Protein backbone atom coordinates (compact mmCIF):
# COMPACT_ATOMS: atom_id res chain seq x y z
CA MET A 1 0.00 0.00 0.00
CA LEU A 2 1.01 3.60 -0.61
CA PHE A 3 -0.17 6.78 1.08
CA LYS A 4 -1.09 10.34 0.13
CA TYR A 5 -1.07 13.07 2.81
CA ARG A 6 -3.67 15.77 2.17
CA SER A 7 -5.12 18.82 3.86
CA ILE A 8 -8.92 19.06 3.82
CA GLU A 9 -9.05 22.85 3.97
CA ASP A 10 -10.14 22.70 0.35
CA MET A 11 -12.39 19.65 0.33
CA PHE A 12 -12.61 19.59 -3.47
CA TYR A 13 -9.16 18.06 -3.93
CA VAL A 14 -9.75 15.26 -1.43
CA LEU A 15 -13.18 14.49 -2.91
CA ASP A 16 -11.67 14.40 -6.40
CA ILE A 17 -9.24 11.71 -5.23
CA ILE A 18 -11.94 9.66 -3.49
CA ILE A 19 -14.83 10.00 -5.94
CA ASN A 20 -12.89 9.97 -9.21
CA GLN A 21 -10.31 7.48 -7.89
CA ARG A 22 -7.40 9.41 -9.30
CA LEU A 23 -4.35 11.47 -8.37
CA TYR A 24 -3.29 14.66 -10.07
CA ALA A 25 0.15 14.59 -11.71
CA THR A 26 2.20 17.73 -12.15
CA THR A 27 5.59 18.82 -13.47
CA PHE A 28 8.63 18.93 -11.20
CA ASP A 29 8.76 22.73 -11.01
CA GLN A 30 5.49 22.69 -9.06
CA MET A 31 6.96 20.54 -6.27
CA ASN A 32 7.83 21.96 -2.84
CA ASP A 33 11.60 21.30 -2.94
CA PRO A 34 13.51 24.19 -4.60
CA MET A 35 16.36 21.77 -5.35
CA GLU A 36 14.04 19.47 -7.30
CA GLY A 37 15.45 18.13 -10.57
CA ILE A 38 19.01 19.38 -10.04
CA TYR A 39 21.78 17.32 -11.63
CA THR A 40 25.54 17.54 -12.13
CA GLY A 41 27.95 16.31 -14.82
CA GLN A 42 26.89 18.77 -17.52
CA GLN A 43 30.44 18.87 -18.86
CA HIS A 44 29.91 15.47 -20.47
CA PHE A 45 27.29 16.83 -22.90
CA ASN A 46 26.85 19.59 -25.42
CA ASP A 47 24.22 22.33 -25.27
CA ASN A 48 21.79 20.52 -27.57
CA GLU A 49 21.89 17.36 -25.46
CA LEU A 50 21.35 19.31 -22.24
CA GLU A 51 18.49 21.20 -23.84
CA ALA A 52 16.87 17.89 -24.77
CA LEU A 53 17.28 16.55 -21.22
CA ASN A 54 15.79 19.70 -19.73
CA ARG A 55 12.86 19.42 -22.13
CA TYR A 56 12.17 15.83 -21.02
CA ARG A 57 12.59 16.83 -17.38
CA GLY A 58 10.22 19.77 -17.75
CA THR A 59 7.39 17.94 -19.50
CA ILE A 60 7.16 14.60 -17.70
CA LYS A 61 4.50 14.55 -14.98
CA LEU A 62 4.68 12.93 -11.60
CA CYS A 63 2.86 12.39 -8.33
CA SER A 64 4.50 11.92 -4.92
CA LEU A 65 3.37 9.22 -2.47
CA SER A 66 4.85 7.71 0.67
CA ARG A 67 5.37 4.19 1.98
CA VAL A 68 4.47 5.33 5.51
CA HIS A 69 1.31 6.80 7.01
CA ASP A 70 2.51 7.70 10.50
CA ASN A 71 5.39 10.11 10.08
CA PRO A 72 4.89 13.17 12.35
CA LEU A 73 6.75 15.58 10.06
CA MET A 74 4.61 14.64 7.09
CA TRP A 75 1.41 14.93 9.13
CA SER A 76 2.59 18.41 10.07
CA HIS A 77 3.79 19.52 6.63
CA TYR A 78 1.18 18.07 4.32
CA THR A 79 -2.04 17.86 6.37
CA ASN A 80 -2.03 21.35 7.88
CA GLY A 81 -0.73 20.26 11.26
CA SER A 82 -2.67 16.95 11.51
CA ARG A 83 -5.91 18.67 10.48
CA GLY A 84 -6.19 16.62 7.29
CA VAL A 85 -6.13 13.01 6.19
CA VAL A 86 -3.87 10.29 4.87
CA ILE A 87 -5.33 8.36 1.95
CA GLU A 88 -4.27 4.73 1.69
CA LEU A 89 -4.39 3.56 -1.92
CA GLU A 90 -3.44 0.97 -4.48
CA LEU A 91 -1.83 1.52 -7.87
CA ASP A 92 -1.89 -0.70 -10.90
CA TRP A 93 1.77 -1.69 -10.89
CA ASN A 94 1.37 -3.42 -14.25
CA SER A 95 -0.04 -0.40 -16.06
CA ASP A 96 1.82 0.74 -19.17
CA ASP A 97 0.72 4.32 -18.48
CA ILE A 98 2.76 4.81 -15.31
CA ASP A 99 6.30 4.20 -14.09
CA ILE A 100 6.76 3.78 -10.33
CA CYS A 101 10.13 4.57 -8.71
CA ASP A 102 11.43 4.75 -5.16
CA VAL A 103 13.21 8.03 -4.48
CA ARG A 104 16.92 7.70 -3.75
CA TYR A 105 18.31 10.07 -1.15
CA GLY A 106 21.77 11.56 -0.96
CA THR A 107 23.45 13.82 -3.49
CA ASN A 108 22.03 15.14 -6.75
CA PHE A 109 21.98 12.85 -9.75
CA GLU A 110 25.25 12.90 -11.72
CA LEU A 111 25.17 12.49 -15.48
CA GLN A 112 27.63 9.96 -16.87
CA HIS A 113 29.42 10.45 -20.18
CA ASN A 114 27.68 7.40 -21.68
CA SER A 115 24.14 8.35 -20.53
CA ASN A 116 21.39 8.23 -23.14
CA ILE A 117 19.48 11.50 -23.28
CA ASP A 118 15.88 10.33 -23.09
CA GLN A 119 12.79 10.37 -20.90
CA GLN A 120 14.17 7.56 -18.74
CA LEU A 121 17.19 9.66 -17.84
CA ALA A 122 14.86 12.51 -16.87
CA LYS A 123 13.05 10.10 -14.53
CA GLU A 124 16.39 9.15 -13.00
CA VAL A 125 17.17 12.81 -12.36
CA LEU A 126 13.74 13.33 -10.77
CA SER A 127 14.11 10.22 -8.59
CA HIS A 128 17.01 11.71 -6.60
CA LYS A 129 16.56 14.05 -3.63
CA ALA A 130 18.72 15.50 -0.87
CA SER A 131 19.29 13.21 2.11
CA PHE A 132 17.36 15.40 4.57
CA TRP A 133 14.10 14.35 2.82
CA HIS A 134 14.70 10.67 3.58
CA TYR A 135 12.03 10.53 6.30
CA GLU A 136 9.33 10.83 3.62
CA GLU A 137 10.14 7.38 2.15
CA GLU A 138 8.82 8.77 -1.09
CA VAL A 139 7.60 6.86 -4.12
CA ARG A 140 7.20 8.77 -7.38
CA VAL A 141 4.71 7.86 -10.06
CA PHE A 142 5.64 9.16 -13.52
CA THR A 143 3.15 9.55 -16.33
CA ASP A 144 2.42 11.49 -19.51
CA ARG A 145 -1.15 12.10 -18.38
CA ASN A 146 -2.76 14.62 -16.04
CA PHE A 147 -4.25 11.99 -13.74
CA ILE A 148 -3.18 8.61 -12.35
CA PRO A 149 -5.90 5.99 -11.71
CA ILE A 150 -5.94 4.53 -8.19
CA LYS A 151 -8.08 2.48 -5.82
CA VAL A 152 -8.76 4.20 -2.49
CA LYS A 153 -8.68 1.67 0.37
CA ARG A 154 -8.72 3.69 3.58
CA ILE A 155 -8.98 7.23 4.95
CA ILE A 156 -7.03 8.06 8.13
CA PHE A 157 -8.16 11.21 9.91
CA GLY A 158 -5.63 13.46 11.64
CA GLU A 159 -5.53 14.22 15.33
CA LYS A 160 -6.76 17.81 15.01
CA VAL A 161 -9.18 17.48 12.10
CA ASP A 162 -12.23 19.71 12.22
CA GLU A 163 -15.19 17.63 13.43
CA GLU A 164 -17.69 19.20 11.03
CA ARG A 165 -15.47 18.60 8.03
CA LYS A 166 -14.70 15.08 9.20
CA ASN A 167 -18.35 14.14 9.64
CA MET A 168 -19.23 15.56 6.23
CA LEU A 169 -16.41 13.65 4.57
CA LYS A 170 -17.39 10.43 6.34
CA LYS A 171 -20.97 10.73 5.10
CA ILE A 172 -19.79 11.29 1.54
CA ILE A 173 -17.43 8.32 1.70
CA ASN A 174 -20.07 5.99 3.12
CA SER A 175 -22.57 7.11 0.48
CA PHE A 176 -20.10 6.78 -2.37
CA ASP A 177 -18.27 3.56 -1.47
CA SER A 178 -18.84 1.85 1.88
CA SER A 179 -15.89 -0.49 1.21
CA ILE A 180 -13.48 2.40 1.89
CA GLN A 181 -12.32 1.97 5.47
CA ILE A 182 -12.32 4.92 7.84
CA LYS A 183 -9.72 5.20 10.58
CA GLU A 184 -10.40 7.61 13.43
CA TRP A 185 -7.56 9.12 15.41
CA ASP A 186 -7.45 7.46 18.84
CA GLU A 187 -5.04 6.59 21.62
CA ASP A 188 -3.53 3.84 19.46
CA SER A 189 -2.70 6.26 16.64
CA LEU A 190 0.87 6.92 17.67
CA TYR A 191 3.40 8.70 15.52
CA VAL A 192 6.55 6.82 14.70
CA TYR A 193 9.78 8.64 15.62
CA THR A 194 12.92 7.32 14.00
CA GLN A 195 15.13 8.80 16.70
CA PRO A 196 14.59 10.45 20.08
CA VAL A 197 14.00 14.18 19.92
CA GLU A 198 15.30 14.74 23.42
CA ASP A 199 17.16 12.76 26.04
CA LEU A 200 14.42 12.78 28.67
CA SER A 201 16.77 11.79 31.50
CA GLN A 202 18.95 14.79 30.72
CA LEU A 203 15.89 17.02 30.40
CA LYS A 204 14.59 15.91 33.79
CA ALA A 205 17.98 16.55 35.35
CA THR A 206 17.83 20.20 34.28
CA GLN A 207 14.52 20.89 35.99
CA GLY A 208 14.88 23.50 38.73
CA LEU A 209 18.24 24.78 37.49
CA THR A 210 18.86 28.51 37.19
CA PRO A 211 19.80 30.12 33.83
CA GLU A 212 23.40 30.35 35.11
CA ASP A 213 23.42 26.62 35.94
CA LEU A 214 22.08 25.76 32.48
CA SER A 215 24.66 27.98 30.81
CA SER A 216 27.43 26.31 32.76
CA LEU A 217 26.07 22.85 31.88
CA LEU A 218 25.91 23.65 28.15
CA THR A 219 29.40 25.16 28.18
CA SER A 220 30.82 22.04 29.80
CA LYS A 221 29.51 19.89 26.92
CA ASP A 222 31.22 21.95 24.18
């Protein structure tokens, strides 16, 4: 299963996904990462070849999904601070109309001197992102079309979702397709942290200390 994080501030976009069973695909320059689509190794190619690569890169369309549904940063970034939903969905992995790639994290894609300048190379470029995005566990779906067909399996509501909007969306889902599961946020809906944010034992030890004590403690750790 794959997951799409969405705000429900504008209900139209969520309803379009659920009712029309599709995801909108866009070009890379509309994505949220300003370093999207950057590559190195230009010295291996002439201007005409680079122009062709940039044309492929600029026209291919894609949609971003995740392999995880419980990442706190993504709930914060993409669902308006847990006020939205995560949509669990299936893709047709055998479709000839889409190409599905796991994003590789690290440095920008480097062109090799023997690379073929084609649409596949553009997909390679767009499948690389900086390492600090690794928590998203992103999967990219490439297509030449505006929309990607999907099957919606489950809707997971965020912790702070507006009750009126939630109830309205639930009624629409149940009326449209009762096989779509609905997951309410409850005490079992815990975020998954990949590493501790704070050493709680150290934090507890600082309770009651004066600003001077804290300054001395921090200085001693440098």
